[in-house]
Amino acid sequence: MLPTIEWKDETVVMIDQRKLPATEVYVTCKTAKEVAKAITTMVIRGAPAIGVAAAMGIALGMKRSTATGTKQFTTEFQKICDLMAATRPTAVNLFWAIERMKRTFAAAAQSGASVDELKKRLEAEAQAIHDEDVGSCMPMGAHGASLVPDEAKILTHCNAGALATAGYGTALGVIRAASEQGKKIAVLADETRPFLQGARLTAWELVKDGIDTTVITDNMAASMMRLGHVDLVVVGADRIAANGDVGNKIGTYGVAVLAKEHGIPFYV
């Protein structure tokens, strides 16, 4: 499993996704401000990964706090939550994680927890958010893998893999699980303009896992489908509405229309 982000020796360590695929470099954040900057500058991206980063950034910031009383500590906590909230205003997991950290803080404070105990509770909650993300991605992948036939040729768009989560992936988790089950699969990864998440990130992590992967330009998808080189499409989602409607990276809509036209299953 790729270590997208982890709490290590009272720092937050994350892979610098801006450097991929050419160089595998890890950034060590020692303060909440450094974590916030890493989110803002796209060192880390992907909604679940951003949520984990925000939670760990809050825990790290409060770990470094020199406040001795709960009143000052509470003021600092709110400021760090506001700092994290300003990093990526469109990332739904960011605000979910911040609210979860706030609930943990409020519950601990109500019970009369000391500053030291509050620090421990926040660190434990951030780690739980990380672990739960991996814990939900792996069974999701195994469930989705049941839809992948042996020797399937899979098209994917953008990056909903280990790099977008805490380390296993959602859409790529399905592909990973199918491979782990011994299925012979091949992946076509759309380059995904304008940020090239498919070319830079999806291809990198799948090749690292030994999965047969070919990068194609975004406008090749129709031809690949017509030529019979795509058996199914698997993509992630930035939003899923209550009625099942899906919003995802620009270009996903075009792939969905093409898949429908060619009678190819399209999974989110």
C-alpha atoms as a PDB file:
ATOM      1  CA  MET A   1       0.000   0.000   0.000  1.00  0.00           C
ATOM      2  CA  LEU A   2       1.390   3.393  -0.963  1.00  0.00           C
ATOM      3  CA  PRO A   3       2.009   5.657   2.064  1.00  0.00           C
ATOM      4  CA  THR A   4       0.218   8.782   0.844  1.00  0.00           C
ATOM      5  CA  ILE A   5       0.241  10.428   4.257  1.00  0.00           C
ATOM      6  CA  GLU A   6       1.227   9.349   7.752  1.00  0.00           C
ATOM      7  CA  TRP A   7       1.796  10.632  11.262  1.00  0.00           C
ATOM      8  CA  LYS A   8       5.451   9.991  12.055  1.00  0.00           C
ATOM      9  CA  ASP A   9       7.525  11.140  15.033  1.00  0.00           C
ATOM     10  CA  GLU A  10       5.149  14.032  15.742  1.00  0.00           C
ATOM     11  CA  THR A  11       5.259  15.253  12.145  1.00  0.00           C
ATOM     12  CA  VAL A  12       2.974  14.745   9.148  1.00  0.00           C
ATOM     13  CA  VAL A  13       4.756  13.098   6.239  1.00  0.00           C
ATOM     14  CA  MET A  14       3.232  13.050   2.754  1.00  0.00           C
ATOM     15  CA  ILE A  15       4.386  12.201  -0.733  1.00  0.00           C
ATOM     16  CA  ASP A  16       4.851  15.290  -2.925  1.00  0.00           C
ATOM     17  CA  GLN A  17       2.421  14.582  -5.755  1.00  0.00           C
ATOM     18  CA  ARG A  18       3.707  17.554  -7.756  1.00  0.00           C
ATOM     19  CA  LYS A  19       7.011  15.746  -8.334  1.00  0.00           C
ATOM     20  CA  LEU A  20       5.491  12.526  -9.673  1.00  0.00           C
ATOM     21  CA  PRO A  21       6.120  10.532 -11.770  1.00  0.00           C
ATOM     22  CA  ALA A  22       9.718  11.690 -12.231  1.00  0.00           C
ATOM     23  CA  THR A  23      10.745  11.767  -8.575  1.00  0.00           C
ATOM     24  CA  GLU A  24       9.402  10.132  -5.403  1.00  0.00           C
ATOM     25  CA  VAL A  25       9.893  12.803  -2.734  1.00  0.00           C
ATOM     26  CA  TYR A  26       8.321  13.036   0.718  1.00  0.00           C
ATOM     27  CA  VAL A  27       7.511  16.295   2.488  1.00  0.00           C
ATOM     28  CA  THR A  28       7.772  16.447   6.286  1.00  0.00           C
ATOM     29  CA  CYS A  29       5.435  18.996   7.879  1.00  0.00           C
ATOM     30  CA  LYS A  30       6.358  20.120  11.378  1.00  0.00           C
ATOM     31  CA  THR A  31       3.618  22.715  11.881  1.00  0.00           C
ATOM     32  CA  ALA A  32      -0.047  23.209  11.062  1.00  0.00           C
ATOM     33  CA  LYS A  33       0.908  26.041   8.694  1.00  0.00           C
ATOM     34  CA  GLU A  34       3.146  23.678   6.727  1.00  0.00           C
ATOM     35  CA  VAL A  35       0.305  21.162   6.406  1.00  0.00           C
ATOM     36  CA  ALA A  36      -2.046  23.933   5.248  1.00  0.00           C
ATOM     37  CA  LYS A  37       0.501  25.070   2.675  1.00  0.00           C
ATOM     38  CA  ALA A  38       0.909  21.484   1.442  1.00  0.00           C
ATOM     39  CA  ILE A  39      -2.847  21.252   0.837  1.00  0.00           C
ATOM     40  CA  THR A  40      -3.027  24.665  -0.855  1.00  0.00           C
ATOM     41  CA  THR A  41      -0.050  24.054  -3.153  1.00  0.00           C
ATOM     42  CA  MET A  42      -1.234  20.561  -4.217  1.00  0.00           C
ATOM     43  CA  VAL A  43       1.537  18.616  -2.493  1.00  0.00           C
ATOM     44  CA  ILE A  44      -1.395  16.451  -1.480  1.00  0.00           C
ATOM     45  CA  ARG A  45      -4.709  16.237  -3.365  1.00  0.00           C
ATOM     46  CA  GLY A  46      -7.765  14.039  -3.604  1.00  0.00           C
ATOM     47  CA  ALA A  47     -10.737  14.647  -1.327  1.00  0.00           C
ATOM     48  CA  PRO A  48     -10.150  11.802   1.182  1.00  0.00           C
ATOM     49  CA  ALA A  49      -6.419  12.528   1.405  1.00  0.00           C
ATOM     50  CA  ILE A  50      -7.105  16.227   1.988  1.00  0.00           C
ATOM     51  CA  GLY A  51      -9.501  15.342   4.816  1.00  0.00           C
ATOM     52  CA  VAL A  52      -6.859  13.177   6.485  1.00  0.00           C
ATOM     53  CA  ALA A  53      -4.241  15.912   6.016  1.00  0.00           C
ATOM     54  CA  ALA A  54      -6.493  18.531   7.614  1.00  0.00           C
ATOM     55  CA  ALA A  55      -7.212  16.322  10.624  1.00  0.00           C
ATOM     56  CA  MET A  56      -3.525  15.560  11.087  1.00  0.00           C
ATOM     57  CA  GLY A  57      -2.663  19.230  10.591  1.00  0.00           C
ATOM     58  CA  ILE A  58      -5.059  20.216  13.372  1.00  0.00           C
ATOM     59  CA  ALA A  59      -3.678  17.515  15.686  1.00  0.00           C
ATOM     60  CA  LEU A  60      -0.123  18.584  14.861  1.00  0.00           C
ATOM     61  CA  GLY A  61      -0.842  22.257  15.460  1.00  0.00           C
ATOM     62  CA  MET A  62      -2.362  21.544  18.850  1.00  0.00           C
ATOM     63  CA  LYS A  63       0.451  19.144  19.710  1.00  0.00           C
ATOM     64  CA  ARG A  64       2.862  22.053  19.244  1.00  0.00           C
ATOM     65  CA  SER A  65       0.745  24.423  21.328  1.00  0.00           C
ATOM     66  CA  THR A  66       2.382  25.900  24.432  1.00  0.00           C
ATOM     67  CA  ALA A  67      -0.949  26.876  25.972  1.00  0.00           C
ATOM     68  CA  THR A  68      -1.323  25.776  29.582  1.00  0.00           C
ATOM     69  CA  GLY A  69      -4.965  26.629  30.073  1.00  0.00           C
ATOM     70  CA  THR A  70      -7.978  25.262  28.190  1.00  0.00           C
ATOM     71  CA  LYS A  71      -9.286  28.754  27.308  1.00  0.00           C
ATOM     72  CA  GLN A  72      -6.167  29.737  25.356  1.00  0.00           C
ATOM     73  CA  PHE A  73      -5.923  26.225  23.939  1.00  0.00           C
ATOM     74  CA  THR A  74      -9.513  26.452  22.653  1.00  0.00           C
ATOM     75  CA  THR A  75      -8.780  29.785  20.959  1.00  0.00           C
ATOM     76  CA  GLU A  76      -5.726  28.313  19.225  1.00  0.00           C
ATOM     77  CA  PHE A  77      -7.746  25.269  18.168  1.00  0.00           C
ATOM     78  CA  GLN A  78     -10.374  27.412  16.452  1.00  0.00           C
ATOM     79  CA  LYS A  79      -7.699  29.422  14.629  1.00  0.00           C
ATOM     80  CA  ILE A  80      -6.076  26.265  13.284  1.00  0.00           C
ATOM     81  CA  CYS A  81      -9.456  24.895  12.179  1.00  0.00           C
ATOM     82  CA  ASP A  82     -10.063  28.158  10.303  1.00  0.00           C
ATOM     83  CA  LEU A  83      -6.603  27.893   8.744  1.00  0.00           C
ATOM     84  CA  MET A  84      -7.372  24.415   7.417  1.00  0.00           C
ATOM     85  CA  ALA A  85     -10.839  25.412   6.194  1.00  0.00           C
ATOM     86  CA  ALA A  86      -9.327  28.143   4.002  1.00  0.00           C
ATOM     87  CA  THR A  87      -6.999  25.764   2.118  1.00  0.00           C
ATOM     88  CA  ARG A  88      -9.371  24.079  -0.361  1.00  0.00           C
ATOM     89  CA  PRO A  89     -12.944  25.432  -0.092  1.00  0.00           C
ATOM     90  CA  THR A  90     -14.311  22.924  -2.659  1.00  0.00           C
ATOM     91  CA  ALA A  91     -13.074  19.780  -0.857  1.00  0.00           C
ATOM     92  CA  VAL A  92     -16.044  18.266   0.984  1.00  0.00           C
ATOM     93  CA  ASN A  93     -13.899  15.827   2.997  1.00  0.00           C
ATOM     94  CA  LEU A  94     -11.882  18.760   4.311  1.00  0.00           C
ATOM     95  CA  PHE A  95     -14.860  20.241   6.133  1.00  0.00           C
ATOM     96  CA  TRP A  96     -16.126  16.829   7.210  1.00  0.00           C
ATOM     97  CA  ALA A  97     -12.766  16.112   8.865  1.00  0.00           C
ATOM     98  CA  ILE A  98     -12.591  19.550  10.501  1.00  0.00           C
ATOM     99  CA  GLU A  99     -16.097  19.144  11.941  1.00  0.00           C
ATOM    100  CA  ARG A 100     -15.198  15.707  13.236  1.00  0.00           C
ATOM    101  CA  MET A 101     -12.121  17.128  14.982  1.00  0.00           C
ATOM    102  CA  LYS A 102     -14.296  19.888  16.456  1.00  0.00           C
ATOM    103  CA  ARG A 103     -16.765  17.335  17.828  1.00  0.00           C
ATOM    104  CA  THR A 104     -13.928  15.336  19.371  1.00  0.00           C
ATOM    105  CA  PHE A 105     -12.519  18.499  20.938  1.00  0.00           C
ATOM    106  CA  ALA A 106     -15.907  19.599  22.294  1.00  0.00           C
ATOM    107  CA  ALA A 107     -16.686  16.194  23.787  1.00  0.00           C
ATOM    108  CA  ALA A 108     -13.282  15.984  25.470  1.00  0.00           C
ATOM    109  CA  ALA A 109     -13.489  19.556  26.756  1.00  0.00           C
ATOM    110  CA  GLN A 110     -16.981  18.943  28.160  1.00  0.00           C
ATOM    111  CA  SER A 111     -15.686  15.960  30.088  1.00  0.00           C
ATOM    112  CA  GLY A 112     -13.112  18.223  31.745  1.00  0.00           C
ATOM    113  CA  ALA A 113     -10.080  16.937  29.860  1.00  0.00           C
ATOM    114  CA  SER A 114      -6.762  18.664  30.482  1.00  0.00           C
ATOM    115  CA  VAL A 115      -4.706  20.298  27.733  1.00  0.00           C
ATOM    116  CA  ASP A 116      -2.489  17.208  27.532  1.00  0.00           C
ATOM    117  CA  GLU A 117      -5.506  14.936  27.300  1.00  0.00           C
ATOM    118  CA  LEU A 118      -7.036  17.127  24.584  1.00  0.00           C
ATOM    119  CA  LYS A 119      -3.838  16.808  22.563  1.00  0.00           C
ATOM    120  CA  LYS A 120      -3.939  13.015  22.874  1.00  0.00           C
ATOM    121  CA  ARG A 121      -7.621  12.854  21.883  1.00  0.00           C
ATOM    122  CA  LEU A 122      -7.045  14.981  18.786  1.00  0.00           C
ATOM    123  CA  GLU A 123      -4.047  12.910  17.681  1.00  0.00           C
ATOM    124  CA  ALA A 124      -6.018   9.692  18.169  1.00  0.00           C
ATOM    125  CA  GLU A 125      -8.967  11.062  16.184  1.00  0.00           C
ATOM    126  CA  ALA A 126      -6.751  12.140  13.285  1.00  0.00           C
ATOM    127  CA  GLN A 127      -5.189   8.686  13.165  1.00  0.00           C
ATOM    128  CA  ALA A 128      -8.655   7.107  13.297  1.00  0.00           C
ATOM    129  CA  ILE A 129      -9.753   9.189  10.285  1.00  0.00           C
ATOM    130  CA  HIS A 130      -6.684   7.915   8.403  1.00  0.00           C
ATOM    131  CA  ASP A 131      -7.241   4.284   9.357  1.00  0.00           C
ATOM    132  CA  GLU A 132     -10.971   4.388   8.617  1.00  0.00           C
ATOM    133  CA  ASP A 133     -10.286   5.703   5.127  1.00  0.00           C
ATOM    134  CA  VAL A 134      -8.050   2.738   4.334  1.00  0.00           C
ATOM    135  CA  GLY A 135     -10.531   0.458   6.083  1.00  0.00           C
ATOM    136  CA  SER A 136     -13.387   1.629   3.847  1.00  0.00           C
ATOM    137  CA  CYS A 137     -11.412   1.678   0.577  1.00  0.00           C
ATOM    138  CA  MET A 138     -10.239  -1.934   0.806  1.00  0.00           C
ATOM    139  CA  PRO A 139     -13.699  -3.580   1.115  1.00  0.00           C
ATOM    140  CA  MET A 140     -15.039  -1.115  -1.488  1.00  0.00           C
ATOM    141  CA  GLY A 141     -12.302  -2.298  -3.835  1.00  0.00           C
ATOM    142  CA  ALA A 142     -13.064  -5.956  -3.165  1.00  0.00           C
ATOM    143  CA  HIS A 143     -16.778  -5.340  -3.753  1.00  0.00           C
ATOM    144  CA  GLY A 144     -16.104  -3.503  -7.005  1.00  0.00           C
ATOM    145  CA  ALA A 145     -13.644  -6.151  -8.179  1.00  0.00           C
ATOM    146  CA  SER A 146     -16.541  -8.597  -8.476  1.00  0.00           C
ATOM    147  CA  LEU A 147     -17.698  -6.512 -11.461  1.00  0.00           C
ATOM    148  CA  VAL A 148     -14.345  -6.863 -13.232  1.00  0.00           C
ATOM    149  CA  PRO A 149     -14.058  -9.928 -15.500  1.00  0.00           C
ATOM    150  CA  ASP A 150     -10.766 -11.725 -15.960  1.00  0.00           C
ATOM    151  CA  GLU A 151      -8.618 -10.234 -18.733  1.00  0.00           C
ATOM    152  CA  ALA A 152     -10.671  -7.021 -18.630  1.00  0.00           C
ATOM    153  CA  LYS A 153      -9.473  -3.874 -20.344  1.00  0.00           C
ATOM    154  CA  ILE A 154     -10.364  -0.981 -18.036  1.00  0.00           C
ATOM    155  CA  LEU A 155     -10.499   2.731 -18.816  1.00  0.00           C
ATOM    156  CA  THR A 156     -10.148   5.205 -15.941  1.00  0.00           C
ATOM    157  CA  HIS A 157     -10.139   8.991 -15.753  1.00  0.00           C
ATOM    158  CA  CYS A 158      -8.256  11.225 -13.300  1.00  0.00           C
ATOM    159  CA  ASN A 159      -6.798   9.693 -10.117  1.00  0.00           C
ATOM    160  CA  ALA A 160      -8.987   8.090  -7.471  1.00  0.00           C
ATOM    161  CA  GLY A 161      -6.234   5.861  -6.167  1.00  0.00           C
ATOM    162  CA  ALA A 162      -3.886   5.537  -3.229  1.00  0.00           C
ATOM    163  CA  LEU A 163      -2.603   9.054  -3.872  1.00  0.00           C
ATOM    164  CA  ALA A 164      -6.094  10.538  -3.548  1.00  0.00           C
ATOM    165  CA  THR A 165      -6.864   8.699  -0.306  1.00  0.00           C
ATOM    166  CA  ALA A 166      -4.998   7.502   2.761  1.00  0.00           C
ATOM    167  CA  GLY A 167      -3.311   4.767   0.766  1.00  0.00           C
ATOM    168  CA  TYR A 168      -5.474   2.258  -1.190  1.00  0.00           C
ATOM    169  CA  GLY A 169      -7.908   4.113  -3.375  1.00  0.00           C
ATOM    170  CA  THR A 170     -11.537   4.059  -4.461  1.00  0.00           C
ATOM    171  CA  ALA A 171     -11.730   3.634  -8.249  1.00  0.00           C
ATOM    172  CA  LEU A 172      -8.160   2.347  -8.380  1.00  0.00           C
ATOM    173  CA  GLY A 173      -8.949   0.284  -5.296  1.00  0.00           C
ATOM    174  CA  VAL A 174     -11.323  -1.699  -7.524  1.00  0.00           C
ATOM    175  CA  ILE A 175      -8.528  -2.242 -10.053  1.00  0.00           C
ATOM    176  CA  ARG A 176      -6.039  -3.069  -7.293  1.00  0.00           C
ATOM    177  CA  ALA A 177      -8.382  -5.593  -5.700  1.00  0.00           C
ATOM    178  CA  ALA A 178      -9.056  -7.274  -9.048  1.00  0.00           C
ATOM    179  CA  SER A 179      -5.321  -7.633  -9.581  1.00  0.00           C
ATOM    180  CA  GLU A 180      -4.838  -8.975  -6.046  1.00  0.00           C
ATOM    181  CA  GLN A 181      -7.513 -11.587  -6.813  1.00  0.00           C
ATOM    182  CA  GLY A 182      -5.305 -12.832  -9.642  1.00  0.00           C
ATOM    183  CA  LYS A 183      -7.300 -11.391 -12.511  1.00  0.00           C
ATOM    184  CA  LYS A 184      -5.283 -10.441 -15.575  1.00  0.00           C
ATOM    185  CA  ILE A 185      -6.287  -6.869 -16.291  1.00  0.00           C
ATOM    186  CA  ALA A 186      -4.971  -4.008 -18.408  1.00  0.00           C
ATOM    187  CA  VAL A 187      -5.658  -0.344 -17.757  1.00  0.00           C
ATOM    188  CA  LEU A 188      -5.992   2.614 -20.109  1.00  0.00           C
ATOM    189  CA  ALA A 189      -5.397   5.777 -18.087  1.00  0.00           C
ATOM    190  CA  ASP A 190      -6.729   9.008 -19.578  1.00  0.00           C
ATOM    191  CA  GLU A 191      -4.062  11.698 -19.190  1.00  0.00           C
ATOM    192  CA  THR A 192      -6.776  13.921 -17.619  1.00  0.00           C
ATOM    193  CA  ARG A 193      -6.056  17.489 -18.574  1.00  0.00           C
ATOM    194  CA  PRO A 194      -5.356  20.120 -17.414  1.00  0.00           C
ATOM    195  CA  PHE A 195      -3.517  18.797 -14.320  1.00  0.00           C
ATOM    196  CA  LEU A 196      -2.609  15.395 -15.852  1.00  0.00           C
ATOM    197  CA  GLN A 197      -3.553  13.320 -12.815  1.00  0.00           C
ATOM    198  CA  GLY A 198      -3.989  10.252 -15.015  1.00  0.00           C
ATOM    199  CA  ALA A 199      -0.648  10.548 -16.764  1.00  0.00           C
ATOM    200  CA  ARG A 200       1.341  11.626 -13.722  1.00  0.00           C
ATOM    201  CA  LEU A 201      -0.353   9.849 -10.824  1.00  0.00           C
ATOM    202  CA  THR A 202      -2.647   6.993 -11.880  1.00  0.00           C
ATOM    203  CA  ALA A 203      -0.111   5.506 -14.279  1.00  0.00           C
ATOM    204  CA  TRP A 204       2.689   5.897 -11.730  1.00  0.00           C
ATOM    205  CA  GLU A 205       0.946   4.092  -8.900  1.00  0.00           C
ATOM    206  CA  LEU A 206      -0.505   1.293 -11.050  1.00  0.00           C
ATOM    207  CA  VAL A 207       2.851   0.587 -12.704  1.00  0.00           C
ATOM    208  CA  LYS A 208       4.410   0.615  -9.214  1.00  0.00           C
ATOM    209  CA  ASP A 209       1.942  -2.158  -8.332  1.00  0.00           C
ATOM    210  CA  GLY A 210       2.895  -4.119 -11.445  1.00  0.00           C
ATOM    211  CA  ILE A 211      -0.423  -3.546 -13.232  1.00  0.00           C
ATOM    212  CA  ASP A 212      -0.324  -3.292 -17.036  1.00  0.00           C
ATOM    213  CA  THR A 213      -1.066   0.390 -17.710  1.00  0.00           C
ATOM    214  CA  THR A 214      -1.069   2.534 -20.852  1.00  0.00           C
ATOM    215  CA  VAL A 215      -1.559   6.307 -20.834  1.00  0.00           C
ATOM    216  CA  ILE A 216      -3.810   7.665 -23.583  1.00  0.00           C
ATOM    217  CA  THR A 217      -4.713  11.229 -24.469  1.00  0.00           C
ATOM    218  CA  ASP A 218      -8.193  12.266 -23.368  1.00  0.00           C
ATOM    219  CA  ASN A 219      -9.476  12.454 -26.948  1.00  0.00           C
ATOM    220  CA  MET A 220      -8.470   8.843 -27.712  1.00  0.00           C
ATOM    221  CA  ALA A 221     -11.193   7.284 -25.526  1.00  0.00           C
ATOM    222  CA  ALA A 222     -13.793   7.083 -28.308  1.00  0.00           C
ATOM    223  CA  SER A 223     -11.419   5.350 -30.719  1.00  0.00           C
ATOM    224  CA  MET A 224     -10.276   2.906 -28.040  1.00  0.00           C
ATOM    225  CA  MET A 225     -13.887   1.982 -27.356  1.00  0.00           C
ATOM    226  CA  ARG A 226     -14.737   1.603 -31.046  1.00  0.00           C
ATOM    227  CA  LEU A 227     -11.736  -0.682 -31.529  1.00  0.00           C
ATOM    228  CA  GLY A 228     -12.829  -2.912 -28.648  1.00  0.00           C
ATOM    229  CA  HIS A 229     -10.007  -1.932 -26.306  1.00  0.00           C
ATOM    230  CA  VAL A 230     -12.321  -1.021 -23.401  1.00  0.00           C
ATOM    231  CA  ASP A 231     -14.501  -3.531 -21.516  1.00  0.00           C
ATOM    232  CA  LEU A 232     -15.541  -1.240 -18.674  1.00  0.00           C
ATOM    233  CA  VAL A 233     -14.902   2.202 -17.223  1.00  0.00           C
ATOM    234  CA  VAL A 234     -14.188   2.861 -13.529  1.00  0.00           C
ATOM    235  CA  VAL A 235     -13.943   6.418 -12.167  1.00  0.00           C
ATOM    236  CA  GLY A 236     -14.053   8.151  -8.809  1.00  0.00           C
ATOM    237  CA  ALA A 237     -16.406  10.920  -7.697  1.00  0.00           C
ATOM    238  CA  ASP A 238     -15.988  14.383  -6.227  1.00  0.00           C
ATOM    239  CA  ARG A 239     -19.668  14.465  -5.270  1.00  0.00           C
ATOM    240  CA  ILE A 240     -22.535  11.950  -5.198  1.00  0.00           C
ATOM    241  CA  ALA A 241     -26.033  13.387  -4.765  1.00  0.00           C
ATOM    242  CA  ALA A 242     -28.797  11.654  -2.822  1.00  0.00           C
ATOM    243  CA  ASN A 243     -30.495  10.642  -6.083  1.00  0.00           C
ATOM    244  CA  GLY A 244     -27.336   8.987  -7.398  1.00  0.00           C
ATOM    245  CA  ASP A 245     -26.167  11.781  -9.694  1.00  0.00           C
ATOM    246  CA  VAL A 246     -22.385  12.046  -9.819  1.00  0.00           C
ATOM    247  CA  GLY A 247     -19.983  14.950 -10.230  1.00  0.00           C
ATOM    248  CA  ASN A 248     -16.343  14.222 -11.054  1.00  0.00           C
ATOM    249  CA  LYS A 249     -13.265  15.644 -12.745  1.00  0.00           C
ATOM    250  CA  ILE A 250     -13.760  17.582 -15.984  1.00  0.00           C
ATOM    251  CA  GLY A 251     -13.864  15.104 -18.864  1.00  0.00           C
ATOM    252  CA  THR A 252     -15.740  12.391 -16.960  1.00  0.00           C
ATOM    253  CA  TYR A 253     -19.049  13.381 -18.561  1.00  0.00           C
ATOM    254  CA  GLY A 254     -17.615  12.882 -22.047  1.00  0.00           C
ATOM    255  CA  VAL A 255     -16.311   9.439 -21.127  1.00  0.00           C
ATOM    256  CA  ALA A 256     -19.730   8.505 -19.673  1.00  0.00           C
ATOM    257  CA  VAL A 257     -21.528   9.556 -22.882  1.00  0.00           C
ATOM    258  CA  LEU A 258     -19.060   7.551 -24.983  1.00  0.00           C
ATOM    259  CA  ALA A 259     -19.447   4.498 -22.774  1.00  0.00           C
ATOM    260  CA  LYS A 260     -23.236   4.656 -23.092  1.00  0.00           C
ATOM    261  CA  GLU A 261     -23.003   5.024 -26.869  1.00  0.00           C
ATOM    262  CA  HIS A 262     -20.733   1.965 -27.120  1.00  0.00           C
ATOM    263  CA  GLY A 263     -22.689  -0.161 -24.626  1.00  0.00           C
ATOM    264  CA  ILE A 264     -19.801  -0.299 -22.153  1.00  0.00           C
ATOM    265  CA  PRO A 265     -20.437  -0.568 -18.375  1.00  0.00           C
ATOM    266  CA  PHE A 266     -19.560   2.625 -16.519  1.00  0.00           C
ATOM    267  CA  TYR A 267     -18.918   2.346 -12.757  1.00  0.00           C
ATOM    268  CA  VAL A 268     -18.386   5.073 -10.160  1.00  0.00           C
END
